[in-house]
Protein backbone atom coordinates (compact mmCIF):
# COMPACT_ATOMS: atom_id res chain seq x y z
CA UNK A 1 60.16 180.20 239.97
CA UNK A 2 59.77 178.92 237.31
CA UNK A 3 61.84 181.59 235.54
CA UNK A 4 62.02 181.82 231.75
CA UNK A 5 65.50 181.19 230.34
CA UNK A 6 64.90 180.85 226.60
CA UNK A 7 61.75 181.64 224.57
CA UNK A 8 62.44 178.83 222.09
CA UNK A 9 63.76 178.81 218.56
CA UNK A 10 64.63 176.40 215.81
CA UNK A 11 67.47 174.66 217.64
CA UNK A 12 66.29 174.90 221.28
CA UNK A 13 62.79 174.50 222.75
CA UNK A 14 61.41 176.98 225.28
CA UNK A 15 63.20 176.47 228.58
CA UNK A 16 62.57 177.56 232.16
CA UNK A 17 64.61 177.30 235.33
CA UNK A 18 62.73 175.75 238.24
CA UNK A 19 63.42 174.85 241.86
CA UNK A 20 62.30 171.35 242.78
CA UNK A 21 62.21 170.54 246.52
CA UNK A 22 63.79 167.22 247.41
CA UNK A 23 64.39 165.46 250.71
CA UNK A 24 66.96 162.83 251.53
CA UNK A 25 67.88 160.86 254.62
CA UNK A 26 71.42 160.89 256.02
CA UNK A 27 72.45 158.23 258.49
CA UNK A 28 75.06 159.32 261.01
CA UNK A 29 76.68 157.53 263.93
CA UNK A 30 75.37 158.35 267.36
CA UNK A 31 77.48 160.54 269.66
CA UNK A 32 78.03 157.80 272.26
CA UNK A 33 79.71 155.50 269.67
CA UNK A 34 77.46 152.50 270.28
CA UNK A 35 75.89 150.48 267.46
CA UNK A 36 72.89 152.77 267.04
CA UNK A 37 72.73 155.41 264.33
CA UNK A 38 70.54 158.43 263.80
CA UNK A 39 68.69 159.37 260.62
CA UNK A 40 68.55 163.02 259.65
CA UNK A 41 66.26 164.37 256.93
CA UNK A 42 67.96 166.89 254.70
CA UNK A 43 65.78 169.28 252.65
CA UNK A 44 67.31 170.77 249.50
CA UNK A 45 66.13 172.58 246.39
CA UNK A 46 67.29 171.18 243.07
CA UNK A 47 67.76 173.75 240.30
CA UNK A 48 66.39 172.22 237.12
CA UNK A 49 66.27 173.47 233.52
CA UNK A 50 63.26 172.09 231.66
CA UNK A 51 60.54 172.98 229.13
CA UNK A 52 57.71 175.04 230.69
CA UNK A 53 55.13 172.31 230.02
CA UNK A 54 54.35 169.40 227.71
CA UNK A 55 52.11 171.51 225.45
CA UNK A 56 54.93 174.00 224.77
CA UNK A 57 57.23 171.14 223.89
CA UNK A 58 54.67 169.63 221.48
CA UNK A 59 54.22 173.05 219.85
CA UNK A 60 57.99 173.36 219.45
CA UNK A 61 58.15 169.92 217.82
CA UNK A 62 55.40 170.98 215.38
CA UNK A 63 57.09 174.35 214.68
CA UNK A 64 60.44 172.74 213.89
CA UNK A 65 58.79 169.84 212.00
CA UNK A 66 60.55 167.25 214.17
CA UNK A 67 57.65 164.82 214.09
CA UNK A 68 59.72 161.66 213.51
CA UNK A 69 61.79 161.95 216.69
CA UNK A 70 59.33 163.82 218.89
CA UNK A 71 59.23 162.44 222.42
CA UNK A 72 58.02 165.03 224.93
CA UNK A 73 58.31 162.63 227.89
CA UNK A 74 61.74 164.10 228.72
CA UNK A 75 60.02 167.43 229.45
CA UNK A 76 58.20 166.01 232.48
CA UNK A 77 59.80 165.19 235.82
CA UNK A 78 58.99 161.57 236.56
CA UNK A 79 58.11 160.75 240.19
CA UNK A 80 60.64 157.91 240.22
CA UNK A 81 63.39 160.33 239.17
CA UNK A 82 62.58 162.54 242.15
CA UNK A 83 62.71 159.58 244.50
CA UNK A 84 66.25 158.70 243.42
């Protein structure tokens, strides 16, 4: 990974499939049923479809002449999005 899905064209920018590692905490009740709980860290891989990089997305915007609505920020994974 990343693995190419689409080379890009007039209606769709270049796209790749990527695995993004994420971790989350799960709180579960303790086995002895008292008021304490245990936290367990769960590791997962999120399968994400995205442009290969910001430069490729800018080139696609230029190729398709979509300069008025070009916003390549959606092609980058924001750190706050990963933390959610």
